[in-house]
Amino acid sequence: MATQTVEGSSRSGSRRTSVGN
C-alpha cells in the first residue's frame, strides 16, 4: 500500500492523500 500512496501523491501532487491514509 505504501507504493500506491507514494505514486498517487507524486502523480496527484497532493500530500493530503498521504496524510489521510
Protein backbone atom coordinates (compact mmCIF):
# COMPACT_ATOMS: atom_id res chain seq x y z
CA MET A 1 0.00 0.00 0.00
CA ALA A 2 2.95 2.32 0.58
CA THR A 3 3.87 2.17 -3.10
CA GLN A 4 0.41 3.28 -4.15
CA THR A 5 0.38 6.14 -1.65
CA VAL A 6 3.74 7.43 -2.89
CA GLU A 7 2.75 7.09 -6.54
CA GLY A 8 -0.63 8.77 -6.02
CA SER A 9 0.96 11.59 -4.05
CA SER A 10 3.61 12.18 -6.74
CA ARG A 11 1.07 11.98 -9.59
CA SER A 12 -1.67 13.94 -7.89
CA GLY A 13 0.84 16.24 -6.23
CA SER A 14 -1.34 16.26 -3.11
CA ARG A 15 0.15 15.46 0.27
CA ARG A 16 -3.37 15.16 1.76
CA THR A 17 -3.64 11.62 0.33
CA SER A 18 -0.55 10.55 2.27
CA VAL A 19 -1.71 12.22 5.49
CA GLY A 20 -5.28 10.94 5.15
CA ASN A 21 -4.04 7.39 4.64
